[in-house]
């Protein structure tokens, strides 16, 4: 007896042995709990190690997994409803990923294989006896045997098999994207950790000078003798601009951040934002800021899902969309790396064009003017988009390989496959080795510093102070105490710029308000 499986192999659930159901349920539940408990203990470990940004990134991963789970549940629940939406067959003959000739070839191959399997199956051998012993109720109706839409002379909007494959693709995409982001942060972080001994050596030299030569007179040095100027200044004039962009493009492939870069950018940040704390641990602050940004990159935002939908819409046979789309992230990555390198050239030009000699150390001036549309956070948005598009390409390749096979029509020709794989590996390596470290240090050269400059306790106190000031300001207004109210409102406006996005500044940034805020730069 078959339980109305619609021609599918095997019996329905009422006719499946109970031990099989119990075994499958046990395995599924055990694996699910193992994954959930692993994430739970990883979260406890991160909280114990006081890694709040990484813990928040883990929570973001859980949210993405929950979203994928909800999408899977929605597809499973609405599967029968979707497959019963019937449309004329002529609607399904256009905008296909594979040509109609390839479709007919696959269908004929499947029908011949199915006929061969059916001829030698036990159902055919014993089918006559089963029909003789069975009653008329066991015979499927015409609608069941032909299909719901086929009985109406139409075709389903989306078949059950296609829904199942789409379900698998969404799951693979989420897993690949999270894995890609984690690997990028891990390998990029390893490169950034090399800078820790630079930080330690700079602090050691400063301590040595303060102890042995506290009142020494700073020497006047020609500006071109500074390593940062020699490495990045390309001259004055129109030709220097073009040379600067070309140099920036090629520089991102080798030694993107040198010790002189680190020393100069670090000093420029401290002189601008932490003048009262010359021993500020810039490396530790930079790592905290990068961890804060990671929890934004690891998520799949709504506009990224729009990209997926547009790709599926344009993945038409003969257009080779999957091939051309692979060039979008690599071009964006090269543009981002070039721009970040060019920011260093702009900083060097600002100093070299204004001074012929400098007394003491070389100090650059951070400014949002060096970034696209005066918004350094655009770089993070582009990195997020690059990593997702690259993950999409990798996920799409492996999904087709597992689901349809390497020789399937949707996979495409070998001359389109190899470049996509090479581009995917190239993006992953370059983003981890060069672009992410560049982003971590160069985006600190904006007008504003990020809230990661304060530790968690200071951030909590500032938030509490802002809330109290707001309440007192409202109470002062109600009591018509204009002077007191205006002073509290002023404090509220200042701290509002710290924790709320304003029209002229970026998210997760802080504007130094006064000398008091400068002295709060902590490690």
Protein backbone atom coordinates (compact mmCIF):
# COMPACT_ATOMS: atom_id res chain seq x y z
CA UNK A 1 0.00 0.00 0.00
CA UNK A 2 1.25 3.42 -0.82
CA UNK A 3 0.14 6.38 1.13
CA UNK A 4 -0.60 8.88 -1.58
CA UNK A 5 2.94 10.02 -2.10
CA UNK A 6 2.10 11.39 -5.50
CA UNK A 7 4.33 8.85 -7.26
CA UNK A 8 7.24 9.35 -4.86
CA UNK A 9 9.36 6.38 -3.85
CA UNK A 10 8.52 4.69 -0.52
CA UNK A 11 5.44 4.55 1.69
CA UNK A 12 3.78 7.48 3.46
CA UNK A 13 4.24 8.15 7.18
CA UNK A 14 1.26 6.00 8.37
CA UNK A 15 2.90 2.99 6.70
CA UNK A 16 6.48 3.67 7.82
CA UNK A 17 7.90 1.50 10.65
CA UNK A 18 7.88 3.31 13.97
CA UNK A 19 11.53 2.51 14.64
CA UNK A 20 12.50 4.35 11.44
CA UNK A 21 10.54 7.46 12.44
CA UNK A 22 11.99 7.39 15.97
CA UNK A 23 15.55 6.91 14.68
CA UNK A 24 15.34 9.77 12.18
CA UNK A 25 13.77 12.10 14.75
CA UNK A 26 16.46 11.24 17.30
CA UNK A 27 19.27 12.02 14.86
CA UNK A 28 17.71 15.33 13.74
CA UNK A 29 17.02 16.49 17.30
CA UNK A 30 20.47 15.41 18.54
CA UNK A 31 22.28 17.29 15.76
CA UNK A 32 20.13 20.38 16.27
CA UNK A 33 20.75 20.42 20.03
CA UNK A 34 24.47 19.84 19.52
CA UNK A 35 24.71 22.88 17.25
CA UNK A 36 22.57 25.01 19.58
CA UNK A 37 24.57 24.04 22.67
CA UNK A 38 27.86 24.65 20.85
CA UNK A 39 26.78 28.19 19.95
CA UNK A 40 25.56 28.70 23.52
CA UNK A 41 28.86 27.66 25.11
CA UNK A 42 30.80 29.69 22.54
CA UNK A 43 28.75 32.72 23.59
CA UNK A 44 29.52 32.06 27.27
CA UNK A 45 33.21 31.72 26.45
CA UNK A 46 33.23 35.05 24.57
CA UNK A 47 31.44 36.80 27.44
CA UNK A 48 33.89 35.29 29.93
CA UNK A 49 36.78 36.62 27.84
CA UNK A 50 35.06 40.02 27.72
CA UNK A 51 34.73 39.82 23.93
CA UNK A 52 31.47 41.75 23.69
CA UNK A 53 31.73 42.66 19.96
CA UNK A 54 32.42 39.03 19.00
CA UNK A 55 29.55 37.93 21.23
CA UNK A 56 27.27 40.37 19.42
CA UNK A 57 28.53 38.99 16.10
CA UNK A 58 27.62 35.49 17.32
CA UNK A 59 24.14 36.75 18.16
CA UNK A 60 23.92 38.13 14.64
CA UNK A 61 24.83 34.71 13.25
CA UNK A 62 22.06 33.17 15.35
CA UNK A 63 19.63 35.71 13.93
CA UNK A 64 20.64 34.79 10.40
CA UNK A 65 20.23 31.09 11.14
CA UNK A 66 16.82 31.80 12.64
CA UNK A 67 15.85 33.75 9.51
CA UNK A 68 16.98 30.89 7.28
CA UNK A 69 15.04 28.48 9.49
CA UNK A 70 11.92 30.61 9.18
CA UNK A 71 12.32 30.74 5.38
CA UNK A 72 12.67 26.95 5.36
CA UNK A 73 9.59 26.54 7.51
CA UNK A 74 7.63 28.92 5.29
CA UNK A 75 8.64 27.00 2.17
CA UNK A 76 7.68 23.69 3.79
CA UNK A 77 4.30 24.92 4.99
CA UNK A 78 3.35 26.61 1.71
CA UNK A 79 4.79 23.89 -0.54
CA UNK A 80 1.46 22.26 -1.45
CA UNK A 81 -0.19 25.64 -1.94
CA UNK A 82 2.55 26.88 -4.29
CA UNK A 83 2.58 23.69 -6.35
CA UNK A 84 -1.20 23.98 -6.86
CA UNK A 85 -0.88 27.43 -8.43
CA UNK A 86 -1.39 26.52 -12.09
CA UNK A 87 -0.32 28.64 -15.04
CA UNK A 88 -0.49 28.12 -18.82
CA UNK A 89 2.50 26.21 -20.14
CA UNK A 90 3.34 29.07 -22.52
CA UNK A 91 4.26 31.19 -19.49
CA UNK A 92 7.07 28.81 -18.58
CA UNK A 93 8.76 28.73 -21.99
CA UNK A 94 10.61 32.05 -21.62
CA UNK A 95 13.50 33.35 -19.45
CA UNK A 96 14.83 29.85 -18.69
CA UNK A 97 18.29 29.15 -17.19
CA UNK A 98 18.60 26.27 -19.68
CA UNK A 99 17.41 26.04 -23.27
CA UNK A 100 14.28 24.11 -24.26
CA UNK A 101 16.39 21.60 -26.22
CA UNK A 102 18.39 20.79 -23.09
CA UNK A 103 15.16 20.54 -21.10
CA UNK A 104 13.69 18.03 -23.57
CA UNK A 105 16.93 16.04 -23.53
CA UNK A 106 16.92 15.83 -19.71
CA UNK A 107 13.23 14.90 -19.59
CA UNK A 108 13.64 12.16 -22.21
CA UNK A 109 16.64 10.78 -20.33
CA UNK A 110 14.72 10.77 -17.05
CA UNK A 111 11.64 9.16 -18.62
CA UNK A 112 13.71 6.35 -20.18
CA UNK A 113 15.49 5.73 -16.88
CA UNK A 114 12.20 5.74 -15.01
CA UNK A 115 10.65 3.33 -17.52
CA UNK A 116 13.61 0.99 -17.15
CA UNK A 117 13.41 1.09 -13.34
CA UNK A 118 9.64 0.62 -13.39
CA UNK A 119 9.84 -2.39 -15.74
CA UNK A 120 12.14 -4.30 -13.39
CA UNK A 121 10.64 -3.04 -10.13
CA UNK A 122 8.79 -5.26 -7.68
CA UNK A 123 5.70 -3.12 -8.22
CA UNK A 124 5.47 -4.35 -11.82
CA UNK A 125 6.17 -7.97 -10.92
CA UNK A 126 3.59 -8.13 -8.19
CA UNK A 127 1.41 -5.25 -9.40
CA UNK A 128 -1.19 -7.51 -10.99
CA UNK A 129 -1.69 -9.55 -7.81
CA UNK A 130 -1.90 -6.36 -5.74
CA UNK A 131 -4.58 -4.92 -8.01
CA UNK A 132 -6.52 -8.19 -7.89
CA UNK A 133 -6.39 -8.38 -4.10
CA UNK A 134 -6.93 -4.65 -3.51
CA UNK A 135 -10.19 -2.77 -3.64
CA UNK A 136 -11.12 0.07 -5.93
CA UNK A 137 -10.21 2.68 -3.31
CA UNK A 138 -6.52 1.87 -3.74
CA UNK A 139 -6.58 3.05 -7.34
CA UNK A 140 -5.39 6.65 -7.71
CA UNK A 141 -7.74 9.11 -9.28
CA UNK A 142 -7.02 10.67 -12.64
CA UNK A 143 -6.04 13.94 -10.94
CA UNK A 144 -3.58 12.17 -8.61
CA UNK A 145 -1.98 10.10 -11.36
CA UNK A 146 -1.64 12.97 -13.83
CA UNK A 147 -1.09 15.75 -11.33
CA UNK A 148 -3.29 18.56 -10.09
CA UNK A 149 -2.30 21.09 -12.77
CA UNK A 150 -1.88 18.51 -15.56
CA UNK A 151 -5.53 17.48 -15.14
CA UNK A 152 -6.43 21.10 -15.94
CA UNK A 153 -4.15 21.28 -18.95
CA UNK A 154 -1.70 23.59 -17.16
CA UNK A 155 1.62 23.35 -15.31
CA UNK A 156 2.50 24.23 -11.70
CA UNK A 157 4.06 27.62 -11.03
CA UNK A 158 6.89 25.88 -9.18
CA UNK A 159 7.33 22.15 -8.73
CA UNK A 160 8.00 20.44 -5.41
CA UNK A 161 11.45 19.45 -6.57
CA UNK A 162 12.28 23.02 -7.57
CA UNK A 163 11.07 24.29 -4.18
CA UNK A 164 13.23 21.70 -2.45
CA UNK A 165 16.30 22.77 -4.44
CA UNK A 166 15.59 26.44 -3.73
CA UNK A 167 15.31 25.57 -0.05
CA UNK A 168 18.76 23.95 -0.13
CA UNK A 169 20.29 26.91 -1.97
CA UNK A 170 19.13 29.44 0.67
CA UNK A 171 20.61 27.29 3.44
CA UNK A 172 23.92 26.85 1.56
CA UNK A 173 24.11 30.61 0.86
CA UNK A 174 23.71 31.50 4.54
CA UNK A 175 26.33 28.97 5.67
CA UNK A 176 28.87 29.99 3.01
CA UNK A 177 28.42 33.71 3.74
CA UNK A 178 28.93 33.30 7.48
CA UNK A 179 31.93 31.01 6.91
CA UNK A 180 33.47 33.43 4.40
CA UNK A 181 33.13 36.39 6.77
CA UNK A 182 34.59 34.44 9.68
CA UNK A 183 37.59 33.29 7.60
CA UNK A 184 38.17 36.84 6.34
CA UNK A 185 38.16 38.24 9.86
CA UNK A 186 40.41 35.44 11.17
CA UNK A 187 43.09 35.74 8.48
CA UNK A 188 42.83 39.52 8.33
CA UNK A 189 43.09 39.63 12.12
CA UNK A 190 46.26 37.55 12.00
CA UNK A 191 47.80 40.16 9.71
CA UNK A 192 46.68 42.99 12.00
CA UNK A 193 48.14 41.25 15.07
CA UNK A 194 51.58 41.65 13.50
CA UNK A 195 51.23 45.36 14.21
CA UNK A 196 51.09 44.75 17.94
CA UNK A 197 54.88 44.66 18.28
CA UNK A 198 55.00 47.98 16.37
CA UNK A 199 52.72 49.47 19.01
CA UNK A 200 54.87 48.06 21.80
CA UNK A 201 58.11 49.30 20.23
CA UNK A 202 56.66 52.81 19.76
CA UNK A 203 55.57 52.98 23.40
CA UNK A 204 58.94 51.61 24.54
CA UNK A 205 60.81 54.27 22.54
CA UNK A 206 58.58 57.02 23.95
CA UNK A 207 59.19 55.80 27.50
CA UNK A 208 62.91 55.63 26.88
CA UNK A 209 63.02 59.17 25.51
CA UNK A 210 60.90 60.57 28.36
CA UNK A 211 63.21 58.99 30.95
CA UNK A 212 66.62 59.75 29.41
CA UNK A 213 65.94 62.95 27.45
CA UNK A 214 62.86 64.61 28.90
CA UNK A 215 63.80 68.17 27.91
CA UNK A 216 65.46 67.54 24.56
CA UNK A 217 64.87 70.00 21.72
CA UNK A 218 63.08 68.49 18.76
CA UNK A 219 65.13 68.59 15.57
CA UNK A 220 63.96 70.22 12.34
CA UNK A 221 63.84 67.65 9.52
CA UNK A 222 63.21 68.23 5.82
CA UNK A 223 59.79 66.86 5.06
CA UNK A 224 61.01 64.52 2.31
CA UNK A 225 63.31 62.72 4.73
CA UNK A 226 60.32 61.21 6.52
CA UNK A 227 59.63 57.64 5.38
CA UNK A 228 55.88 58.23 5.10
CA UNK A 229 56.41 61.14 2.69
CA UNK A 230 58.99 59.23 0.64
CA UNK A 231 56.64 56.28 0.27
CA UNK A 232 53.49 58.20 -0.66
CA UNK A 233 54.33 61.66 -2.04
CA UNK A 234 54.29 61.60 -5.86
CA UNK A 235 55.03 65.25 -6.63
CA UNK A 236 53.00 68.34 -7.44
CA UNK A 237 50.92 68.87 -10.56
CA UNK A 238 48.36 67.11 -12.74
CA UNK A 239 50.65 64.18 -13.50
CA UNK A 240 51.07 63.47 -9.79
CA UNK A 241 47.35 62.80 -9.41
CA UNK A 242 47.34 60.09 -12.06
CA UNK A 243 50.58 58.62 -10.71
CA UNK A 244 49.05 58.62 -7.24
CA UNK A 245 46.04 56.56 -8.34
CA UNK A 246 48.21 54.12 -10.31
CA UNK A 247 50.57 53.72 -7.37
CA UNK A 248 47.60 53.18 -5.04
CA UNK A 249 46.19 50.47 -7.32
CA UNK A 250 49.38 48.40 -7.38
CA UNK A 251 50.37 49.10 -3.76
CA UNK A 252 47.36 47.17 -2.42
CA UNK A 253 48.87 43.90 -3.70
CA UNK A 254 52.08 44.07 -1.66
CA UNK A 255 53.02 45.53 1.72
CA UNK A 256 49.82 47.54 2.03
CA UNK A 257 50.67 48.75 5.57
CA UNK A 258 54.29 49.42 6.60
CA UNK A 259 55.67 50.38 9.97
CA UNK A 260 56.07 54.01 8.89
CA UNK A 261 52.40 54.01 7.83
CA UNK A 262 51.35 52.66 11.20
CA UNK A 263 53.48 55.12 13.17
CA UNK A 264 52.29 58.15 11.17
CA UNK A 265 48.58 57.28 11.13
CA UNK A 266 48.69 56.35 14.81
CA UNK A 267 50.30 59.67 15.75
CA UNK A 268 47.85 61.61 13.60
CA UNK A 269 44.91 59.92 15.33
CA UNK A 270 46.27 60.53 18.83
CA UNK A 271 47.19 64.17 18.17
CA UNK A 272 43.70 64.82 16.82
CA UNK A 273 41.46 62.82 19.15
CA UNK A 274 43.51 61.85 22.23
CA UNK A 275 45.89 64.73 22.73
CA UNK A 276 45.77 64.26 26.50
CA UNK A 277 46.85 60.61 26.32
CA UNK A 278 49.98 60.23 24.14
CA UNK A 279 50.39 56.60 25.27
CA UNK A 280 46.95 55.66 23.98
CA UNK A 281 46.89 52.01 22.79
CA UNK A 282 45.91 52.58 19.18
CA UNK A 283 46.24 48.90 18.24
CA UNK A 284 43.81 47.78 20.93
CA UNK A 285 41.31 50.45 19.92
CA UNK A 286 41.60 49.45 16.26
CA UNK A 287 40.88 45.80 17.09
CA UNK A 288 37.81 46.76 19.13
CA UNK A 289 36.52 48.91 16.27
CA UNK A 290 37.06 46.07 13.80
CA UNK A 291 35.17 43.65 16.04
CA UNK A 292 32.29 46.13 16.21
CA UNK A 293 32.20 46.28 12.41
CA UNK A 294 32.33 42.49 12.07
CA UNK A 295 28.85 42.02 13.50
CA UNK A 296 27.51 44.24 10.71
CA UNK A 297 29.39 42.43 7.95
CA UNK A 298 28.34 38.92 9.00
CA UNK A 299 24.62 39.64 8.57
CA UNK A 300 22.60 39.36 5.35
CA UNK A 301 20.77 42.66 5.03
CA UNK A 302 17.59 43.21 3.02
CA UNK A 303 19.40 44.85 0.10
CA UNK A 304 21.57 41.76 -0.26
CA UNK A 305 18.47 39.61 -0.63
CA UNK A 306 17.36 42.00 -3.37
CA UNK A 307 20.62 41.22 -5.17
CA UNK A 308 19.81 37.48 -4.95
CA UNK A 309 16.34 38.04 -6.42
CA UNK A 310 17.71 40.18 -9.28
CA UNK A 311 20.31 37.51 -10.08
CA UNK A 312 17.67 34.79 -10.27
CA UNK A 313 15.61 37.03 -12.52
CA UNK A 314 18.49 37.65 -14.93
CA UNK A 315 19.98 34.15 -14.90
CA UNK A 316 18.73 33.48 -18.43
CA UNK A 317 20.20 30.98 -20.87
CA UNK A 318 22.77 32.61 -23.15
CA UNK A 319 23.29 35.68 -20.97
CA UNK A 320 25.95 34.00 -18.75
CA UNK A 321 24.84 36.18 -15.86
CA UNK A 322 26.66 34.02 -13.31
CA UNK A 323 29.90 34.76 -15.18
CA UNK A 324 29.51 38.53 -15.48
CA UNK A 325 28.25 38.89 -11.90
CA UNK A 326 31.55 37.40 -10.69
CA UNK A 327 33.35 40.53 -11.88
CA UNK A 328 31.27 42.90 -9.73
CA UNK A 329 32.87 42.01 -6.35
CA UNK A 330 36.41 41.90 -7.75
CA UNK A 331 36.05 45.34 -9.36
CA UNK A 332 34.55 46.76 -6.16
CA UNK A 333 37.35 45.19 -4.11
CA UNK A 334 40.05 46.72 -6.32
CA UNK A 335 38.29 50.10 -6.14
CA UNK A 336 38.08 49.95 -2.33
CA UNK A 337 41.74 48.91 -1.96
CA UNK A 338 42.86 51.65 -4.34
CA UNK A 339 40.83 54.27 -2.49
CA UNK A 340 42.19 53.26 0.92
CA UNK A 341 45.76 53.42 -0.39
CA UNK A 342 45.02 56.79 -1.99
CA UNK A 343 43.87 58.20 1.37
CA UNK A 344 47.43 57.71 2.62
CA UNK A 345 48.74 59.54 -0.46
CA UNK A 346 46.34 62.42 0.20
CA UNK A 347 47.51 62.67 3.81
CA UNK A 348 51.14 62.75 2.66
CA UNK A 349 50.39 65.41 0.02
CA UNK A 350 48.66 67.64 2.56
CA UNK A 351 51.82 67.76 4.65
CA UNK A 352 54.35 67.87 1.81
CA UNK A 353 52.60 70.69 -0.07
CA UNK A 354 52.34 72.91 3.03
CA UNK A 355 55.74 72.34 4.66
CA UNK A 356 59.32 72.08 3.52
CA UNK A 357 60.61 71.08 6.95
CA UNK A 358 59.00 69.79 10.14
CA UNK A 359 60.14 70.21 13.71
CA UNK A 360 59.71 66.97 15.61
CA UNK A 361 57.50 64.16 14.39
CA UNK A 362 55.41 64.09 11.23
CA UNK A 363 51.72 64.63 12.08
CA UNK A 364 48.93 64.11 9.54
CA UNK A 365 45.42 65.50 9.97
CA UNK A 366 42.51 63.02 9.76
CA UNK A 367 39.51 64.26 7.77
CA UNK A 368 36.33 62.85 6.21
CA UNK A 369 37.18 64.82 3.05
CA UNK A 370 39.49 62.01 1.98
CA UNK A 371 36.64 59.49 1.71
CA UNK A 372 33.79 59.02 -0.77
CA UNK A 373 30.98 61.50 -0.05
CA UNK A 374 32.77 62.36 3.23
CA UNK A 375 31.53 59.08 4.71
CA UNK A 376 34.16 56.49 5.73
CA UNK A 377 31.38 54.01 6.53
CA UNK A 378 30.69 53.60 2.81
CA UNK A 379 33.84 51.47 2.72
CA UNK A 380 32.33 49.06 5.25
CA UNK A 381 29.13 48.86 3.19
CA UNK A 382 31.15 47.99 0.07
CA UNK A 383 33.18 45.33 1.92
CA UNK A 384 29.90 43.84 3.16
CA UNK A 385 28.58 43.77 -0.41
CA UNK A 386 31.82 42.30 -1.77
CA UNK A 387 31.92 39.46 0.76
CA UNK A 388 28.27 38.60 0.18
CA UNK A 389 28.53 38.60 -3.62
CA UNK A 390 31.62 36.43 -3.45
CA UNK A 391 29.85 34.08 -1.03
CA UNK A 392 26.91 33.98 -3.41
CA UNK A 393 29.15 32.92 -6.30
CA UNK A 394 30.80 30.18 -4.25
CA UNK A 395 27.48 28.96 -2.82
CA UNK A 396 25.87 28.96 -6.27
CA UNK A 397 28.70 26.85 -7.71
CA UNK A 398 28.64 24.21 -4.97
CA UNK A 399 24.83 24.13 -4.92
CA UNK A 400 24.73 23.34 -8.66
CA UNK A 401 27.58 20.83 -8.30
CA UNK A 402 25.79 18.90 -5.54
CA UNK A 403 22.23 19.24 -6.84
CA UNK A 404 22.56 18.92 -10.62
CA UNK A 405 26.14 17.81 -11.25
CA UNK A 406 29.14 19.33 -12.99
CA UNK A 407 27.86 18.58 -16.51
CA UNK A 408 24.43 20.15 -15.99
CA UNK A 409 23.28 22.88 -18.35
CA UNK A 410 22.86 25.39 -15.51
CA UNK A 411 26.51 24.97 -14.52
CA UNK A 412 27.68 26.34 -17.86
CA UNK A 413 30.76 25.68 -19.91
CA UNK A 414 34.16 25.05 -18.39
CA UNK A 415 35.54 28.29 -19.83
CA UNK A 416 33.06 30.19 -17.64
CA UNK A 417 33.53 28.03 -14.54
CA UNK A 418 37.31 28.28 -14.08
CA UNK A 419 37.46 32.13 -14.09
CA UNK A 420 34.64 32.28 -11.52
CA UNK A 421 36.49 29.96 -9.15
CA UNK A 422 39.78 31.83 -9.62
CA UNK A 423 38.06 35.17 -8.97
CA UNK A 424 36.39 33.80 -5.83
CA UNK A 425 39.70 32.61 -4.37
CA UNK A 426 41.42 35.86 -5.39
CA UNK A 427 38.78 37.97 -3.61
CA UNK A 428 38.98 35.91 -0.43
CA UNK A 429 42.79 36.12 -0.29
CA UNK A 430 43.11 39.81 -1.21
CA UNK A 431 40.34 40.90 1.15
CA UNK A 432 41.91 39.00 4.08
CA UNK A 433 45.53 39.88 3.34
CA UNK A 434 45.27 43.49 2.21
CA UNK A 435 41.85 45.16 2.10
CA UNK A 436 40.65 44.35 5.62
CA UNK A 437 43.89 45.49 7.34
CA UNK A 438 43.83 48.64 5.18
CA UNK A 439 40.25 49.29 6.20
CA UNK A 440 41.04 48.75 9.88
CA UNK A 441 43.69 51.49 10.01
CA UNK A 442 42.85 53.93 7.20
CA UNK A 443 39.20 54.44 8.17
CA UNK A 444 40.46 55.76 11.52
CA UNK A 445 41.64 58.79 9.55
CA UNK A 446 38.15 60.29 9.48
CA UNK A 447 37.01 63.41 11.30
CA UNK A 448 35.25 61.36 13.99
CA UNK A 449 36.45 58.52 16.14
CA UNK A 450 34.36 55.44 16.94
CA UNK A 451 32.71 54.54 20.22
CA UNK A 452 35.15 51.62 20.57
CA UNK A 453 37.62 54.22 21.89
CA UNK A 454 35.78 53.89 25.22
CA UNK A 455 35.62 50.62 27.10
CA UNK A 456 32.24 49.07 27.97
CA UNK A 457 32.08 50.66 31.43
CA UNK A 458 32.73 54.16 30.12
CA UNK A 459 30.15 53.67 27.36
CA UNK A 460 27.55 52.55 29.91
CA UNK A 461 28.27 55.57 32.13
CA UNK A 462 27.99 57.97 29.20
CA UNK A 463 24.65 56.45 28.20
CA UNK A 464 23.39 56.77 31.77
CA UNK A 465 24.61 60.35 31.99
CA UNK A 466 22.89 61.21 28.72
CA UNK A 467 19.60 59.70 29.91
CA UNK A 468 19.75 61.56 33.23
CA UNK A 469 20.59 64.81 31.47
CA UNK A 470 17.63 64.33 29.17
CA UNK A 471 15.25 63.72 32.07
CA UNK A 472 16.54 66.72 33.99
CA UNK A 473 16.27 68.84 30.86
CA UNK A 474 12.64 67.87 30.41
CA UNK A 475 11.91 68.51 34.08
CA UNK A 476 13.61 71.90 33.85
CA UNK A 477 11.45 72.84 30.87
CA UNK A 478 8.31 71.84 32.74
CA UNK A 479 9.31 74.06 35.66
CA UNK A 480 10.03 77.00 33.31
CA UNK A 481 13.64 77.10 34.44
CA UNK A 482 14.99 78.33 31.15
CA UNK A 483 18.62 78.74 32.15
CA UNK A 484 18.92 75.35 33.76
CA UNK A 485 16.93 73.73 31.02
CA UNK A 486 19.08 75.19 28.27
CA UNK A 487 22.27 74.00 29.94
CA UNK A 488 20.96 70.48 30.27
CA UNK A 489 19.66 70.49 26.75
CA UNK A 490 23.11 71.52 25.58
CA UNK A 491 24.61 68.52 27.37
CA UNK A 492 21.96 66.33 25.82
CA UNK A 493 22.76 67.59 22.32
CA UNK A 494 26.44 66.92 22.82
CA UNK A 495 25.93 63.36 23.99
CA UNK A 496 23.22 62.82 21.42
CA UNK A 497 25.88 63.18 18.77
CA UNK A 498 27.74 60.41 20.48
CA UNK A 499 25.05 57.77 20.44
CA UNK A 500 22.73 58.83 17.62
CA UNK A 501 23.42 59.23 13.94
CA UNK A 502 23.40 62.84 12.91
CA UNK A 503 23.02 64.20 9.41
CA UNK A 504 26.69 65.14 9.14
CA UNK A 505 28.39 62.17 10.79
CA UNK A 506 28.59 58.42 10.57
CA UNK A 507 27.07 55.64 12.58
CA UNK A 508 29.27 54.28 15.35
CA UNK A 509 31.32 57.49 15.47
CA UNK A 510 31.86 60.10 18.16
CA UNK A 511 32.71 63.75 17.84
CA UNK A 512 35.19 64.95 20.48
CA UNK A 513 33.22 67.55 22.39
CA UNK A 514 35.77 69.25 24.58
CA UNK A 515 39.01 68.69 26.45
CA UNK A 516 37.17 66.56 29.00
CA UNK A 517 36.07 64.11 26.33
CA UNK A 518 39.59 64.02 24.91
CA UNK A 519 40.99 63.01 28.29
CA UNK A 520 38.57 60.07 28.47
CA UNK A 521 40.41 58.20 25.67
CA UNK A 522 41.04 54.91 27.42
CA UNK A 523 42.63 51.57 26.57
